[in-house]
All heavy atoms as atom14 arrays in JSON, in Angstrom:
{
  "sequence": "EKIISKGAYPSPINYSGFPKSICTSVNEVACHGIPDSRE",
  "atom14_mask": [
    [1, 1, 1, 1, 1, 1, 1, 1, 1, 0, 0, 0, 0, 0],
    [1, 1, 1, 1, 1, 1, 1, 1, 1, 0, 0, 0, 0, 0],
    [1, 1, 1, 1, 1, 1, 1, 1, 0, 0, 0, 0, 0, 0],
    [1, 1, 1, 1, 1, 1, 1, 1, 0, 0, 0, 0, 0, 0],
    [1, 1, 1, 1, 1, 1, 0, 0, 0, 0, 0, 0, 0, 0],
    [1, 1, 1, 1, 1, 1, 1, 1, 1, 0, 0, 0, 0, 0],
    [1, 1, 1, 1, 0, 0, 0, 0, 0, 0, 0, 0, 0, 0],
    [1, 1, 1, 1, 1, 0, 0, 0, 0, 0, 0, 0, 0, 0],
    [1, 1, 1, 1, 1, 1, 1, 1, 1, 1, 1, 1, 0, 0],
    [1, 1, 1, 1, 1, 1, 1, 0, 0, 0, 0, 0, 0, 0],
    [1, 1, 1, 1, 1, 1, 0, 0, 0, 0, 0, 0, 0, 0],
    [1, 1, 1, 1, 1, 1, 1, 0, 0, 0, 0, 0, 0, 0],
    [1, 1, 1, 1, 1, 1, 1, 1, 0, 0, 0, 0, 0, 0],
    [1, 1, 1, 1, 1, 1, 1, 1, 0, 0, 0, 0, 0, 0],
    [1, 1, 1, 1, 1, 1, 1, 1, 1, 1, 1, 1, 0, 0],
    [1, 1, 1, 1, 1, 1, 0, 0, 0, 0, 0, 0, 0, 0],
    [1, 1, 1, 1, 0, 0, 0, 0, 0, 0, 0, 0, 0, 0],
    [1, 1, 1, 1, 1, 1, 1, 1, 1, 1, 1, 0, 0, 0],
    [1, 1, 1, 1, 1, 1, 1, 0, 0, 0, 0, 0, 0, 0],
    [1, 1, 1, 1, 1, 1, 1, 1, 1, 0, 0, 0, 0, 0],
    [1, 1, 1, 1, 1, 1, 0, 0, 0, 0, 0, 0, 0, 0],
    [1, 1, 1, 1, 1, 1, 1, 1, 0, 0, 0, 0, 0, 0],
    [1, 1, 1, 1, 1, 1, 0, 0, 0, 0, 0, 0, 0, 0],
    [1, 1, 1, 1, 1, 1, 1, 0, 0, 0, 0, 0, 0, 0],
    [1, 1, 1, 1, 1, 1, 0, 0, 0, 0, 0, 0, 0, 0],
    [1, 1, 1, 1, 1, 1, 1, 0, 0, 0, 0, 0, 0, 0],
    [1, 1, 1, 1, 1, 1, 1, 1, 0, 0, 0, 0, 0, 0],
    [1, 1, 1, 1, 1, 1, 1, 1, 1, 0, 0, 0, 0, 0],
    [1, 1, 1, 1, 1, 1, 1, 0, 0, 0, 0, 0, 0, 0],
    [1, 1, 1, 1, 1, 0, 0, 0, 0, 0, 0, 0, 0, 0],
    [1, 1, 1, 1, 1, 1, 0, 0, 0, 0, 0, 0, 0, 0],
    [1, 1, 1, 1, 1, 1, 1, 1, 1, 1, 0, 0, 0, 0],
    [1, 1, 1, 1, 0, 0, 0, 0, 0, 0, 0, 0, 0, 0],
    [1, 1, 1, 1, 1, 1, 1, 1, 0, 0, 0, 0, 0, 0],
    [1, 1, 1, 1, 1, 1, 1, 0, 0, 0, 0, 0, 0, 0],
    [1, 1, 1, 1, 1, 1, 1, 1, 0, 0, 0, 0, 0, 0],
    [1, 1, 1, 1, 1, 1, 0, 0, 0, 0, 0, 0, 0, 0],
    [1, 1, 1, 1, 1, 1, 1, 1, 1, 1, 1, 0, 0, 0],
    [1, 1, 1, 1, 1, 1, 1, 1, 1, 0, 0, 0, 0, 0]
  ],
  "atom14_positions": [
    [[-6.99, 13.03, 5.3], [-8.12, 13.51, 6.08], [-7.84, 14.88, 6.67], [-8.76, 15.74, 6.66], [-8.33, 12.54, 7.27], [-8.88, 11.2, 6.85], [-10.26, 11.29, 6.2], [-11.05, 12.15, 6.52], [-10.51, 10.46, 5.26], [0.0, 0.0, 0.0], [0.0, 0.0, 0.0], [0.0, 0.0, 0.0], [0.0, 0.0, 0.0], [0.0, 0.0, 0.0]],
    [[-6.62, 15.19, 7.02], [-6.31, 16.52, 7.59], [-6.34, 17.59, 6.47], [-6.93, 18.68, 6.75], [-4.86, 16.44, 8.13], [-4.49, 17.66, 8.97], [-5.02, 17.56, 10.32], [-4.18, 18.24, 11.33], [-4.74, 18.27, 12.64], [0.0, 0.0, 0.0], [0.0, 0.0, 0.0], [0.0, 0.0, 0.0], [0.0, 0.0, 0.0], [0.0, 0.0, 0.0]],
    [[-5.91, 17.29, 5.29], [-6.01, 18.25, 4.17], [-7.45, 18.58, 3.89], [-7.84, 19.7, 3.75], [-5.29, 17.73, 2.93], [-3.77, 17.74, 3.13], [-5.63, 18.6, 1.69], [-3.0, 16.96, 2.1], [0.0, 0.0, 0.0], [0.0, 0.0, 0.0], [0.0, 0.0, 0.0], [0.0, 0.0, 0.0], [0.0, 0.0, 0.0], [0.0, 0.0, 0.0]],
    [[-8.29, 17.51, 3.76], [-9.75, 17.72, 3.49], [-10.42, 18.49, 4.56], [-11.24, 19.37, 4.31], [-10.41, 16.33, 3.31], [-9.9, 15.59, 2.07], [-11.94, 16.45, 3.22], [-10.06, 16.3, 0.74], [0.0, 0.0, 0.0], [0.0, 0.0, 0.0], [0.0, 0.0, 0.0], [0.0, 0.0, 0.0], [0.0, 0.0, 0.0], [0.0, 0.0, 0.0]],
    [[-10.02, 18.28, 5.83], [-10.65, 18.99, 6.95], [-10.34, 20.45, 6.92], [-11.03, 21.28, 7.53], [-10.21, 18.41, 8.33], [-8.88, 18.85, 8.62], [0.0, 0.0, 0.0], [0.0, 0.0, 0.0], [0.0, 0.0, 0.0], [0.0, 0.0, 0.0], [0.0, 0.0, 0.0], [0.0, 0.0, 0.0], [0.0, 0.0, 0.0], [0.0, 0.0, 0.0]],
    [[-9.3, 20.84, 6.15], [-8.91, 22.23, 6.03], [-9.53, 22.93, 4.81], [-9.17, 24.01, 4.43], [-7.39, 22.35, 5.93], [-6.6, 21.84, 7.09], [-6.83, 22.79, 8.33], [-5.96, 22.3, 9.49], [-5.91, 23.25, 10.58], [0.0, 0.0, 0.0], [0.0, 0.0, 0.0], [0.0, 0.0, 0.0], [0.0, 0.0, 0.0], [0.0, 0.0, 0.0]],
    [[-10.46, 22.15, 4.08], [-11.1, 22.75, 2.94], [-10.26, 22.76, 1.72], [-10.5, 23.53, 0.79], [0.0, 0.0, 0.0], [0.0, 0.0, 0.0], [0.0, 0.0, 0.0], [0.0, 0.0, 0.0], [0.0, 0.0, 0.0], [0.0, 0.0, 0.0], [0.0, 0.0, 0.0], [0.0, 0.0, 0.0], [0.0, 0.0, 0.0], [0.0, 0.0, 0.0]],
    [[-9.26, 21.88, 1.69], [-8.36, 21.84, 0.54], [-8.43, 20.42, -0.09], [-9.15, 19.55, 0.44], [-6.9, 22.14, 0.92], [0.0, 0.0, 0.0], [0.0, 0.0, 0.0], [0.0, 0.0, 0.0], [0.0, 0.0, 0.0], [0.0, 0.0, 0.0], [0.0, 0.0, 0.0], [0.0, 0.0, 0.0], [0.0, 0.0, 0.0], [0.0, 0.0, 0.0]],
    [[-7.68, 20.21, -1.2], [-7.67, 18.91, -1.84], [-6.2, 18.55, -2.06], [-5.42, 19.42, -2.49], [-8.44, 19.02, -3.18], [-8.54, 17.68, -3.89], [-9.55, 16.81, -3.45], [-7.75, 17.32, -4.92], [-9.65, 15.55, -4.06], [-7.84, 16.06, -5.55], [-8.82, 15.22, -5.1], [-8.95, 13.95, -5.74], [0.0, 0.0, 0.0], [0.0, 0.0, 0.0]],
    [[-5.8, 17.28, -1.9], [-4.47, 16.86, -2.16], [-4.16, 16.87, -3.68], [-4.79, 16.05, -4.4], [-4.32, 15.44, -1.58], [-5.61, 15.23, -0.79], [-6.64, 16.22, -1.33], [0.0, 0.0, 0.0], [0.0, 0.0, 0.0], [0.0, 0.0, 0.0], [0.0, 0.0, 0.0], [0.0, 0.0, 0.0], [0.0, 0.0, 0.0], [0.0, 0.0, 0.0]],
    [[-3.28, 17.72, -4.1], [-3.04, 17.86, -5.55], [-2.59, 16.59, -6.27], [-2.94, 16.4, -7.42], [-1.98, 18.94, -5.75], [-2.32, 20.17, -5.22], [0.0, 0.0, 0.0], [0.0, 0.0, 0.0], [0.0, 0.0, 0.0], [0.0, 0.0, 0.0], [0.0, 0.0, 0.0], [0.0, 0.0, 0.0], [0.0, 0.0, 0.0], [0.0, 0.0, 0.0]],
    [[-1.8, 15.68, -5.61], [-1.3, 14.55, -6.36], [-2.36, 13.48, -6.78], [-2.13, 12.74, -7.7], [-0.28, 13.88, -5.41], [0.09, 14.96, -4.48], [-1.15, 15.8, -4.3], [0.0, 0.0, 0.0], [0.0, 0.0, 0.0], [0.0, 0.0, 0.0], [0.0, 0.0, 0.0], [0.0, 0.0, 0.0], [0.0, 0.0, 0.0], [0.0, 0.0, 0.0]],
    [[-3.48, 13.44, -6.07], [-4.43, 12.37, -6.38], [-4.89, 12.4, -7.82], [-5.35, 13.44, -8.34], [-5.69, 12.36, -5.48], [-5.3, 12.08, -4.05], [-6.77, 11.44, -5.98], [-6.48, 12.15, -3.08], [0.0, 0.0, 0.0], [0.0, 0.0, 0.0], [0.0, 0.0, 0.0], [0.0, 0.0, 0.0], [0.0, 0.0, 0.0], [0.0, 0.0, 0.0]],
    [[-4.62, 11.32, -8.58], [-4.94, 11.19, -9.98], [-4.17, 12.11, -10.88], [-4.46, 12.21, -12.1], [-6.43, 11.3, -10.25], [-7.22, 10.17, -9.55], [-6.76, 9.03, -9.56], [-8.34, 10.52, -9.01], [0.0, 0.0, 0.0], [0.0, 0.0, 0.0], [0.0, 0.0, 0.0], [0.0, 0.0, 0.0], [0.0, 0.0, 0.0], [0.0, 0.0, 0.0]],
    [[-3.14, 12.77, -10.38], [-2.3, 13.59, -11.26], [-1.4, 12.68, -12.07], [-0.57, 11.94, -11.47], [-1.45, 14.61, -10.42], [-0.6, 15.48, -11.25], [-1.11, 16.64, -11.78], [0.72, 15.2, -11.54], [-0.33, 17.48, -12.59], [1.55, 16.01, -12.3], [0.97, 17.12, -12.81], [1.75, 17.94, -13.61], [0.0, 0.0, 0.0], [0.0, 0.0, 0.0]],
    [[-1.61, 12.61, -13.37], [-0.88, 11.73, -14.25], [-0.96, 10.23, -13.73], [0.0, 9.51, -13.8], [0.57, 12.14, -14.4], [0.65, 13.4, -15.01], [0.0, 0.0, 0.0], [0.0, 0.0, 0.0], [0.0, 0.0, 0.0], [0.0, 0.0, 0.0], [0.0, 0.0, 0.0], [0.0, 0.0, 0.0], [0.0, 0.0, 0.0], [0.0, 0.0, 0.0]],
    [[-2.07, 9.92, -13.16], [-2.3, 8.53, -12.67], [-1.76, 8.22, -11.31], [-1.86, 7.1, -10.84], [0.0, 0.0, 0.0], [0.0, 0.0, 0.0], [0.0, 0.0, 0.0], [0.0, 0.0, 0.0], [0.0, 0.0, 0.0], [0.0, 0.0, 0.0], [0.0, 0.0, 0.0], [0.0, 0.0, 0.0], [0.0, 0.0, 0.0], [0.0, 0.0, 0.0]],
    [[-1.23, 9.22, -10.56], [-0.69, 9.02, -9.2], [-1.86, 8.65, -8.26], [-2.84, 9.41, -8.2], [0.06, 10.28, -8.74], [0.93, 9.97, -7.49], [2.17, 9.43, -7.63], [0.39, 10.29, -6.25], [2.92, 9.17, -6.49], [1.16, 10.01, -5.11], [2.4, 9.48, -5.25], [0.0, 0.0, 0.0], [0.0, 0.0, 0.0], [0.0, 0.0, 0.0]],
    [[-1.75, 7.53, -7.55], [-2.84, 6.99, -6.81], [-3.05, 7.54, -5.38], [-4.02, 7.17, -4.72], [-2.58, 5.53, -6.8], [-1.12, 5.41, -6.72], [-0.64, 6.58, -7.59], [0.0, 0.0, 0.0], [0.0, 0.0, 0.0], [0.0, 0.0, 0.0], [0.0, 0.0, 0.0], [0.0, 0.0, 0.0], [0.0, 0.0, 0.0], [0.0, 0.0, 0.0]],
    [[-2.16, 8.34, -4.91], [-2.23, 8.7, -3.47], [-2.23, 10.21, -3.25], [-2.17, 11.0, -4.23], [-1.01, 8.12, -2.74], [-0.89, 6.61, -2.82], [-1.99, 5.97, -1.98], [-1.86, 4.43, -2.03], [-2.58, 3.8, -0.98], [0.0, 0.0, 0.0], [0.0, 0.0, 0.0], [0.0, 0.0, 0.0], [0.0, 0.0, 0.0], [0.0, 0.0, 0.0]],
    [[-2.34, 10.65, -1.98], [-2.46, 12.05, -1.61], [-1.14, 12.76, -1.44], [-1.07, 13.93, -1.57], [-3.21, 12.15, -0.25], [-4.44, 11.54, -0.31], [0.0, 0.0, 0.0], [0.0, 0.0, 0.0], [0.0, 0.0, 0.0], [0.0, 0.0, 0.0], [0.0, 0.0, 0.0], [0.0, 0.0, 0.0], [0.0, 0.0, 0.0], [0.0, 0.0, 0.0]],
    [[-0.14, 11.95, -1.04], [1.19, 12.52, -0.83], [2.2, 11.62, -1.5], [1.89, 10.48, -1.84], [1.54, 12.71, 0.67], [1.53, 11.36, 1.36], [0.58, 13.7, 1.32], [1.96, 11.43, 2.84], [0.0, 0.0, 0.0], [0.0, 0.0, 0.0], [0.0, 0.0, 0.0], [0.0, 0.0, 0.0], [0.0, 0.0, 0.0], [0.0, 0.0, 0.0]],
    [[3.43, 12.07, -1.64], [4.57, 11.24, -2.06], [5.4, 10.93, -0.81], [5.66, 11.79, 0.01], [5.42, 11.95, -3.09], [4.57, 12.47, -4.61], [0.0, 0.0, 0.0], [0.0, 0.0, 0.0], [0.0, 0.0, 0.0], [0.0, 0.0, 0.0], [0.0, 0.0, 0.0], [0.0, 0.0, 0.0], [0.0, 0.0, 0.0], [0.0, 0.0, 0.0]],
    [[5.76, 9.63, -0.72], [6.63, 9.21, 0.34], [7.82, 8.42, -0.23], [7.63, 7.31, -0.71], [5.9, 8.36, 1.37], [5.3, 7.22, 0.74], [4.81, 9.14, 2.09], [0.0, 0.0, 0.0], [0.0, 0.0, 0.0], [0.0, 0.0, 0.0], [0.0, 0.0, 0.0], [0.0, 0.0, 0.0], [0.0, 0.0, 0.0], [0.0, 0.0, 0.0]],
    [[8.97, 9.05, -0.25], [10.15, 8.4, -0.79], [11.04, 7.89, 0.31], [11.57, 8.71, 1.07], [10.85, 9.39, -1.66], [10.01, 9.88, -2.66], [0.0, 0.0, 0.0], [0.0, 0.0, 0.0], [0.0, 0.0, 0.0], [0.0, 0.0, 0.0], [0.0, 0.0, 0.0], [0.0, 0.0, 0.0], [0.0, 0.0, 0.0], [0.0, 0.0, 0.0]],
    [[11.18, 6.61, 0.42], [11.95, 6.02, 1.55], [13.31, 5.54, 1.06], [13.48, 4.86, 0.03], [11.18, 4.81, 2.15], [11.91, 4.23, 3.29], [9.76, 5.24, 2.55], [0.0, 0.0, 0.0], [0.0, 0.0, 0.0], [0.0, 0.0, 0.0], [0.0, 0.0, 0.0], [0.0, 0.0, 0.0], [0.0, 0.0, 0.0], [0.0, 0.0, 0.0]],
    [[14.31, 5.96, 1.81], [15.75, 5.58, 1.66], [16.22, 5.92, 0.26], [16.34, 7.1, -0.09], [15.95, 4.12, 2.05], [15.7, 3.91, 3.52], [15.96, 4.79, 4.36], [15.18, 2.75, 3.88], [0.0, 0.0, 0.0], [0.0, 0.0, 0.0], [0.0, 0.0, 0.0], [0.0, 0.0, 0.0], [0.0, 0.0, 0.0], [0.0, 0.0, 0.0]],
    [[16.45, 4.95, -0.62], [17.1, 5.17, -1.92], [16.16, 5.72, -3.0], [16.61, 6.05, -4.08], [17.79, 3.9, -2.45], [16.85, 2.83, -2.9], [16.22, 2.0, -1.79], [16.61, 2.1, -0.62], [15.28, 1.21, -2.14], [0.0, 0.0, 0.0], [0.0, 0.0, 0.0], [0.0, 0.0, 0.0], [0.0, 0.0, 0.0], [0.0, 0.0, 0.0]],
    [[14.87, 5.85, -2.7], [13.93, 6.37, -3.69], [14.17, 7.88, -3.77], [14.04, 8.58, -2.77], [12.45, 6.05, -3.32], [11.5, 6.65, -4.31], [12.27, 4.54, -3.21], [0.0, 0.0, 0.0], [0.0, 0.0, 0.0], [0.0, 0.0, 0.0], [0.0, 0.0, 0.0], [0.0, 0.0, 0.0], [0.0, 0.0, 0.0], [0.0, 0.0, 0.0]],
    [[14.5, 8.42, -4.97], [14.86, 9.82, -5.13], [13.7, 10.73, -4.92], [13.82, 11.74, -4.24], [15.45, 9.98, -6.51], [0.0, 0.0, 0.0], [0.0, 0.0, 0.0], [0.0, 0.0, 0.0], [0.0, 0.0, 0.0], [0.0, 0.0, 0.0], [0.0, 0.0, 0.0], [0.0, 0.0, 0.0], [0.0, 0.0, 0.0], [0.0, 0.0, 0.0]],
    [[12.55, 10.46, -5.5], [11.37, 11.28, -5.32], [10.12, 10.6, -5.91], [10.21, 9.64, -6.57], [11.54, 12.66, -5.96], [11.72, 12.67, -7.73], [0.0, 0.0, 0.0], [0.0, 0.0, 0.0], [0.0, 0.0, 0.0], [0.0, 0.0, 0.0], [0.0, 0.0, 0.0], [0.0, 0.0, 0.0], [0.0, 0.0, 0.0], [0.0, 0.0, 0.0]],
    [[8.97, 11.19, -5.54], [7.64, 10.71, -5.98], [7.32, 9.25, -5.68], [6.62, 8.6, -6.42], [7.54, 10.93, -7.52], [7.78, 12.35, -7.93], [8.49, 12.7, -9.04], [7.38, 13.52, -7.34], [8.55, 14.04, -9.11], [7.88, 14.53, -8.13], [0.0, 0.0, 0.0], [0.0, 0.0, 0.0], [0.0, 0.0, 0.0], [0.0, 0.0, 0.0]],
    [[7.83, 8.79, -4.53], [7.47, 7.47, -4.05], [6.02, 7.36, -3.73], [5.4, 8.3, -3.25], [0.0, 0.0, 0.0], [0.0, 0.0, 0.0], [0.0, 0.0, 0.0], [0.0, 0.0, 0.0], [0.0, 0.0, 0.0], [0.0, 0.0, 0.0], [0.0, 0.0, 0.0], [0.0, 0.0, 0.0], [0.0, 0.0, 0.0], [0.0, 0.0, 0.0]],
    [[5.46, 6.2, -3.99], [4.03, 5.96, -3.77], [3.83, 5.29, -2.39], [4.45, 4.24, -2.13], [3.4, 5.07, -4.86], [3.59, 5.73, -6.23], [1.93, 4.76, -4.56], [3.21, 4.9, -7.42], [0.0, 0.0, 0.0], [0.0, 0.0, 0.0], [0.0, 0.0, 0.0], [0.0, 0.0, 0.0], [0.0, 0.0, 0.0], [0.0, 0.0, 0.0]],
    [[3.06, 5.91, -1.52], [2.84, 5.25, -0.21], [2.29, 3.81, -0.37], [1.56, 3.55, -1.27], [1.75, 6.15, 0.42], [1.97, 7.47, -0.18], [2.35, 7.17, -1.61], [0.0, 0.0, 0.0], [0.0, 0.0, 0.0], [0.0, 0.0, 0.0], [0.0, 0.0, 0.0], [0.0, 0.0, 0.0], [0.0, 0.0, 0.0], [0.0, 0.0, 0.0]],
    [[2.77, 2.97, 0.6], [2.35, 1.56, 0.53], [2.25, 0.99, 1.93], [2.37, 1.71, 2.88], [3.25, 0.75, -0.37], [4.73, 0.73, 0.11], [5.02, 0.95, 1.32], [5.65, 0.54, -0.7], [0.0, 0.0, 0.0], [0.0, 0.0, 0.0], [0.0, 0.0, 0.0], [0.0, 0.0, 0.0], [0.0, 0.0, 0.0], [0.0, 0.0, 0.0]],
    [[2.04, -0.33, 1.99], [1.81, -0.96, 3.3], [3.09, -1.33, 4.08], [2.98, -1.76, 5.21], [0.97, -2.22, 3.07], [1.68, -3.13, 2.22], [0.0, 0.0, 0.0], [0.0, 0.0, 0.0], [0.0, 0.0, 0.0], [0.0, 0.0, 0.0], [0.0, 0.0, 0.0], [0.0, 0.0, 0.0], [0.0, 0.0, 0.0], [0.0, 0.0, 0.0]],
    [[4.27, -1.13, 3.46], [5.49, -1.46, 4.18], [5.64, -0.54, 5.36], [5.52, 0.68, 5.32], [6.67, -1.25, 3.23], [8.05, -1.4, 3.92], [9.15, -0.84, 2.95], [10.43, -0.83, 3.57], [10.92, 0.24, 4.34], [10.14, 1.25, 4.59], [12.12, 0.16, 4.81], [0.0, 0.0, 0.0], [0.0, 0.0, 0.0], [0.0, 0.0, 0.0]],
    [[5.87, -1.18, 6.53], [6.08, -0.39, 7.76], [7.47, 0.16, 7.78], [8.47, -0.47, 7.41], [5.85, -1.22, 8.99], [4.39, -1.64, 9.14], [4.12, -2.47, 10.4], [5.07, -2.85, 11.11], [2.94, -2.71, 10.66], [0.0, 0.0, 0.0], [0.0, 0.0, 0.0], [0.0, 0.0, 0.0], [0.0, 0.0, 0.0], [0.0, 0.0, 0.0]]
  ]
}
């Protein structure tokens, strides 16, 4: 929502099938983690 409000677009959405706006890599995930419902 914040990115859109600035007149920009989140690059990752649908990039090679990536389903989200950002990558969130938690703990042992090296990179490109997909945001999910885990708190």
